[in-house]
Amino acid sequence: MENGTRSMPARCVADSAQYIHQVISPNDVVVNRWKYFYESGDSYGVGEGPREYTKDECQQTGTSFVGKYPNEDGGDIIRGTYYYNYQELTDVSEYFILPSYCNSP
């Protein structure tokens, strides 16, 4: 990385994903939405759900999952995770006061 810029990943979307559509996120970023299918053995369980990535930088902005969770019960699960106003932070002191032991080597 030079000057804090990131290079584009070779491929951020799995070959098995299906394109759904493009949306504008609440923070005015163009996002592509892809449908993923999860099979037995995946950490998500068995089911499906969309994942969203920024068009230009391929940063994940959200994911949803509907299916069976891989536990003894095999119970149904619905999960959603979304990220907004994301940016790389180099100085977190503006947002957080860290305990002194976090700053020690």
N, C-alpha and C. Protein backbone atom coordinates (compact mmCIF):
# COMPACT_ATOMS: atom_id res chain seq x y z
N MET A 1 0.83 -1.19 0.00
CA MET A 1 0.00 0.00 0.00
C MET A 1 0.87 1.25 0.00
N GLU A 2 0.51 2.18 -0.82
CA GLU A 2 1.20 3.45 -0.82
C GLU A 2 0.22 4.55 -0.42
N ASN A 3 0.67 5.43 0.45
CA ASN A 3 -0.15 6.57 0.89
C ASN A 3 -1.52 6.15 1.40
N GLY A 4 -1.62 4.98 2.02
CA GLY A 4 -2.88 4.55 2.62
C GLY A 4 -3.91 4.05 1.63
N THR A 5 -3.55 3.87 0.37
CA THR A 5 -4.52 3.38 -0.61
C THR A 5 -4.48 1.86 -0.65
N ARG A 6 -5.59 1.26 -0.97
CA ARG A 6 -5.68 -0.18 -1.05
C ARG A 6 -5.80 -0.60 -2.51
N SER A 7 -5.22 -1.74 -2.80
CA SER A 7 -5.38 -2.27 -4.15
C SER A 7 -6.67 -3.09 -4.20
N MET A 8 -7.28 -3.13 -5.36
CA MET A 8 -8.51 -3.91 -5.53
C MET A 8 -8.20 -5.39 -5.39
N PRO A 9 -9.03 -6.13 -4.69
CA PRO A 9 -8.83 -7.58 -4.63
C PRO A 9 -9.07 -8.17 -6.01
N ALA A 10 -8.42 -9.30 -6.29
CA ALA A 10 -8.57 -9.93 -7.59
C ALA A 10 -10.04 -10.29 -7.83
N ARG A 11 -10.70 -10.80 -6.81
CA ARG A 11 -12.11 -11.18 -6.93
C ARG A 11 -12.71 -11.20 -5.54
N CYS A 12 -13.68 -10.35 -5.27
CA CYS A 12 -14.26 -10.32 -3.93
C CYS A 12 -15.58 -11.09 -3.87
N VAL A 13 -16.09 -11.49 -5.01
CA VAL A 13 -17.37 -12.19 -5.07
C VAL A 13 -17.11 -13.62 -5.54
N ALA A 14 -17.67 -14.58 -4.83
CA ALA A 14 -17.49 -15.99 -5.20
C ALA A 14 -18.07 -16.28 -6.57
N ASP A 15 -17.44 -17.20 -7.29
CA ASP A 15 -17.93 -17.58 -8.61
C ASP A 15 -19.34 -18.14 -8.56
N SER A 16 -19.72 -18.73 -7.43
CA SER A 16 -21.04 -19.34 -7.32
C SER A 16 -22.15 -18.33 -6.98
N ALA A 17 -21.78 -17.09 -6.67
CA ALA A 17 -22.77 -16.07 -6.31
C ALA A 17 -23.54 -15.62 -7.55
N GLN A 18 -24.80 -15.23 -7.33
CA GLN A 18 -25.65 -14.74 -8.41
C GLN A 18 -25.91 -13.25 -8.20
N TYR A 19 -25.68 -12.45 -9.25
CA TYR A 19 -25.92 -11.01 -9.18
C TYR A 19 -27.42 -10.76 -8.99
N ILE A 20 -27.77 -9.88 -8.04
CA ILE A 20 -29.18 -9.52 -7.81
C ILE A 20 -29.46 -8.15 -8.43
N HIS A 21 -28.81 -7.11 -7.90
CA HIS A 21 -28.99 -5.77 -8.43
C HIS A 21 -28.00 -4.81 -7.77
N GLN A 22 -28.06 -3.56 -8.21
CA GLN A 22 -27.21 -2.51 -7.67
C GLN A 22 -28.09 -1.53 -6.91
N VAL A 23 -27.61 -1.07 -5.75
CA VAL A 23 -28.35 -0.11 -4.93
C VAL A 23 -27.42 1.00 -4.48
N ILE A 24 -28.00 2.07 -3.98
CA ILE A 24 -27.24 3.15 -3.36
C ILE A 24 -27.44 3.01 -1.86
N SER A 25 -26.35 2.84 -1.12
CA SER A 25 -26.44 2.66 0.33
C SER A 25 -26.82 3.98 1.00
N PRO A 26 -27.21 3.93 2.28
CA PRO A 26 -27.61 5.16 2.98
C PRO A 26 -26.52 6.23 3.02
N ASN A 27 -25.25 5.83 2.85
CA ASN A 27 -24.18 6.83 2.84
C ASN A 27 -23.74 7.14 1.41
N ASP A 28 -24.67 6.96 0.45
CA ASP A 28 -24.48 7.33 -0.96
C ASP A 28 -23.32 6.62 -1.64
N VAL A 29 -23.13 5.36 -1.33
CA VAL A 29 -22.11 4.53 -1.98
C VAL A 29 -22.83 3.51 -2.87
N VAL A 30 -22.33 3.32 -4.09
CA VAL A 30 -22.92 2.35 -5.01
C VAL A 30 -22.51 0.95 -4.55
N VAL A 31 -23.51 0.10 -4.36
CA VAL A 31 -23.30 -1.24 -3.82
C VAL A 31 -23.92 -2.27 -4.76
N ASN A 32 -23.19 -3.34 -5.01
CA ASN A 32 -23.72 -4.47 -5.78
C ASN A 32 -24.15 -5.55 -4.80
N ARG A 33 -25.34 -6.09 -5.02
CA ARG A 33 -25.89 -7.13 -4.15
C ARG A 33 -25.83 -8.47 -4.88
N TRP A 34 -25.30 -9.49 -4.18
CA TRP A 34 -25.10 -10.83 -4.74
C TRP A 34 -25.77 -11.86 -3.86
N LYS A 35 -26.40 -12.87 -4.44
CA LYS A 35 -27.05 -13.94 -3.68
C LYS A 35 -26.07 -15.09 -3.51
N TYR A 36 -25.91 -15.52 -2.27
CA TYR A 36 -25.02 -16.63 -1.92
C TYR A 36 -25.86 -17.81 -1.44
N PHE A 37 -25.38 -19.00 -1.73
CA PHE A 37 -26.00 -20.22 -1.23
C PHE A 37 -24.98 -20.91 -0.33
N TYR A 38 -25.41 -21.29 0.86
CA TYR A 38 -24.53 -21.93 1.83
C TYR A 38 -24.95 -23.38 2.00
N GLU A 39 -23.95 -24.26 1.97
CA GLU A 39 -24.24 -25.68 2.07
C GLU A 39 -23.62 -26.24 3.34
N SER A 40 -23.97 -27.45 3.66
CA SER A 40 -23.45 -28.10 4.86
C SER A 40 -21.93 -27.98 4.90
N GLY A 41 -21.41 -27.64 6.05
CA GLY A 41 -19.98 -27.46 6.22
C GLY A 41 -19.57 -26.00 6.24
N ASP A 42 -20.40 -25.13 5.68
CA ASP A 42 -20.10 -23.70 5.76
C ASP A 42 -20.33 -23.22 7.19
N SER A 43 -19.57 -22.22 7.61
CA SER A 43 -19.73 -21.70 8.96
C SER A 43 -21.10 -21.05 9.15
N TYR A 44 -21.75 -20.63 8.05
CA TYR A 44 -23.07 -20.01 8.15
C TYR A 44 -24.16 -21.05 8.40
N GLY A 45 -23.95 -22.28 7.99
CA GLY A 45 -25.00 -23.29 8.06
C GLY A 45 -25.49 -23.59 6.66
N VAL A 46 -26.73 -24.04 6.56
CA VAL A 46 -27.33 -24.39 5.28
C VAL A 46 -28.43 -23.38 5.00
N GLY A 47 -28.32 -22.66 3.89
CA GLY A 47 -29.34 -21.67 3.57
C GLY A 47 -28.87 -20.74 2.47
N GLU A 48 -29.40 -19.52 2.47
CA GLU A 48 -29.04 -18.56 1.44
C GLU A 48 -29.18 -17.15 1.97
N GLY A 49 -28.65 -16.21 1.24
CA GLY A 49 -28.79 -14.81 1.60
C GLY A 49 -27.90 -13.93 0.77
N PRO A 50 -28.23 -12.64 0.69
CA PRO A 50 -27.40 -11.73 -0.09
C PRO A 50 -26.19 -11.22 0.68
N ARG A 51 -25.17 -10.86 -0.07
CA ARG A 51 -24.03 -10.12 0.44
C ARG A 51 -23.90 -8.89 -0.44
N GLU A 52 -23.45 -7.80 0.17
CA GLU A 52 -23.31 -6.55 -0.57
C GLU A 52 -21.86 -6.08 -0.52
N TYR A 53 -21.38 -5.60 -1.68
CA TYR A 53 -20.02 -5.10 -1.80
C TYR A 53 -20.05 -3.77 -2.54
N THR A 54 -19.18 -2.82 -2.13
CA THR A 54 -19.10 -1.57 -2.86
C THR A 54 -18.63 -1.83 -4.28
N LYS A 55 -19.18 -1.08 -5.21
CA LYS A 55 -18.86 -1.28 -6.63
C LYS A 55 -17.39 -0.99 -6.91
N ASP A 56 -16.87 0.09 -6.38
CA ASP A 56 -15.52 0.52 -6.73
C ASP A 56 -14.41 -0.14 -5.93
N GLU A 57 -14.63 -0.40 -4.65
CA GLU A 57 -13.55 -0.92 -3.80
C GLU A 57 -13.77 -2.34 -3.34
N CYS A 58 -14.92 -2.90 -3.63
CA CYS A 58 -15.23 -4.28 -3.27
C CYS A 58 -15.16 -4.51 -1.76
N GLN A 59 -15.59 -3.52 -0.98
CA GLN A 59 -15.65 -3.66 0.47
C GLN A 59 -17.03 -4.18 0.83
N GLN A 60 -17.08 -5.19 1.69
CA GLN A 60 -18.37 -5.73 2.09
C GLN A 60 -19.11 -4.72 2.95
N THR A 61 -20.38 -4.47 2.59
CA THR A 61 -21.19 -3.51 3.35
C THR A 61 -22.33 -4.17 4.09
N GLY A 62 -22.58 -5.45 3.81
CA GLY A 62 -23.66 -6.12 4.52
C GLY A 62 -23.82 -7.56 4.08
N THR A 63 -24.53 -8.29 4.90
CA THR A 63 -24.83 -9.68 4.59
C THR A 63 -26.08 -10.10 5.35
N SER A 64 -26.83 -11.01 4.79
CA SER A 64 -28.00 -11.58 5.44
C SER A 64 -27.95 -13.09 5.23
N PHE A 65 -28.60 -13.81 6.12
CA PHE A 65 -28.63 -15.27 6.02
C PHE A 65 -29.96 -15.77 6.54
N VAL A 66 -30.57 -16.69 5.80
CA VAL A 66 -31.78 -17.38 6.23
C VAL A 66 -31.54 -18.86 6.00
N GLY A 67 -31.67 -19.65 7.04
CA GLY A 67 -31.45 -21.08 6.88
C GLY A 67 -31.41 -21.80 8.21
N LYS A 68 -30.68 -22.90 8.24
CA LYS A 68 -30.51 -23.72 9.44
C LYS A 68 -29.12 -23.51 9.98
N TYR A 69 -29.03 -23.21 11.27
CA TYR A 69 -27.73 -23.01 11.90
C TYR A 69 -27.09 -24.36 12.20
N PRO A 70 -25.76 -24.48 12.01
CA PRO A 70 -25.11 -25.77 12.22
C PRO A 70 -24.83 -26.08 13.69
N ASN A 71 -25.88 -26.44 14.42
CA ASN A 71 -25.69 -26.85 15.81
C ASN A 71 -26.47 -28.14 16.05
N GLU A 72 -26.48 -28.60 17.27
CA GLU A 72 -27.14 -29.86 17.57
C GLU A 72 -28.63 -29.82 17.24
N ASP A 73 -29.26 -28.67 17.45
CA ASP A 73 -30.69 -28.55 17.21
C ASP A 73 -31.02 -28.35 15.73
N GLY A 74 -30.08 -27.79 14.98
CA GLY A 74 -30.35 -27.47 13.58
C GLY A 74 -31.46 -26.44 13.44
N GLY A 75 -31.56 -25.53 14.42
CA GLY A 75 -32.64 -24.56 14.45
C GLY A 75 -32.58 -23.55 13.31
N ASP A 76 -33.74 -22.97 13.02
CA ASP A 76 -33.82 -21.94 11.99
C ASP A 76 -33.17 -20.66 12.48
N ILE A 77 -32.61 -19.91 11.54
CA ILE A 77 -31.95 -18.66 11.91
C ILE A 77 -32.13 -17.63 10.81
N ILE A 78 -32.28 -16.39 11.22
CA ILE A 78 -32.26 -15.24 10.32
C ILE A 78 -31.23 -14.28 10.90
N ARG A 79 -30.28 -13.88 10.07
CA ARG A 79 -29.22 -13.00 10.57
C ARG A 79 -28.95 -11.92 9.54
N GLY A 80 -28.73 -10.71 10.01
CA GLY A 80 -28.38 -9.60 9.12
C GLY A 80 -27.31 -8.74 9.75
N THR A 81 -26.31 -8.37 8.97
CA THR A 81 -25.23 -7.51 9.43
C THR A 81 -24.97 -6.47 8.35
N TYR A 82 -24.97 -5.20 8.74
CA TYR A 82 -24.74 -4.13 7.78
C TYR A 82 -23.78 -3.11 8.36
N TYR A 83 -22.97 -2.53 7.50
CA TYR A 83 -21.95 -1.57 7.90
C TYR A 83 -22.21 -0.27 7.16
N TYR A 84 -22.20 0.85 7.89
CA TYR A 84 -22.42 2.16 7.28
C TYR A 84 -21.32 3.11 7.75
N ASN A 85 -21.03 4.08 6.91
CA ASN A 85 -20.02 5.10 7.23
C ASN A 85 -18.70 4.48 7.65
N TYR A 86 -18.31 3.44 6.97
CA TYR A 86 -17.09 2.73 7.30
C TYR A 86 -15.90 3.44 6.68
N GLN A 87 -14.82 3.42 7.40
CA GLN A 87 -13.56 3.94 6.91
C GLN A 87 -12.45 3.39 7.78
N GLU A 88 -11.26 3.34 7.23
CA GLU A 88 -10.12 2.85 8.00
C GLU A 88 -9.73 3.92 9.01
N LEU A 89 -9.62 3.52 10.27
CA LEU A 89 -9.25 4.46 11.33
C LEU A 89 -7.81 4.21 11.73
N THR A 90 -7.00 5.27 11.70
CA THR A 90 -5.63 5.14 12.16
C THR A 90 -5.47 5.74 13.55
N ASP A 91 -6.35 6.67 13.90
CA ASP A 91 -6.33 7.29 15.22
C ASP A 91 -7.73 7.18 15.82
N VAL A 92 -7.92 6.21 16.70
CA VAL A 92 -9.25 5.98 17.27
C VAL A 92 -9.56 6.88 18.45
N SER A 93 -8.60 7.70 18.89
CA SER A 93 -8.79 8.54 20.08
C SER A 93 -9.94 9.53 19.89
N GLU A 94 -10.27 9.84 18.65
CA GLU A 94 -11.38 10.75 18.39
C GLU A 94 -12.72 10.09 18.75
N TYR A 95 -12.76 8.76 18.72
CA TYR A 95 -14.01 8.03 18.92
C TYR A 95 -14.04 7.22 20.20
N PHE A 96 -12.88 6.77 20.67
CA PHE A 96 -12.83 5.88 21.82
C PHE A 96 -11.74 6.33 22.78
N ILE A 97 -11.98 6.12 24.07
CA ILE A 97 -10.93 6.29 25.06
C ILE A 97 -10.52 4.88 25.48
N LEU A 98 -9.34 4.49 25.04
CA LEU A 98 -8.86 3.14 25.31
C LEU A 98 -8.21 3.06 26.68
N PRO A 99 -8.38 1.93 27.36
CA PRO A 99 -7.68 1.74 28.64
C PRO A 99 -6.17 1.80 28.41
N SER A 100 -5.42 2.21 29.41
CA SER A 100 -3.98 2.40 29.27
C SER A 100 -3.28 1.11 28.86
N TYR A 101 -3.77 -0.04 29.30
CA TYR A 101 -3.10 -1.30 28.96
C TYR A 101 -3.19 -1.62 27.47
N CYS A 102 -4.09 -0.97 26.73
CA CYS A 102 -4.17 -1.20 25.28
C CYS A 102 -3.04 -0.49 24.54
N ASN A 103 -2.46 0.52 25.14
CA ASN A 103 -1.40 1.27 24.49
C ASN A 103 -0.02 0.74 24.81
N SER A 104 0.08 -0.25 25.66
CA SER A 104 1.39 -0.77 26.03
C SER A 104 1.82 -1.85 25.04
N PRO A 105 3.13 -1.96 24.79
CA PRO A 105 3.63 -2.96 23.83
C PRO A 105 3.46 -4.38 24.31
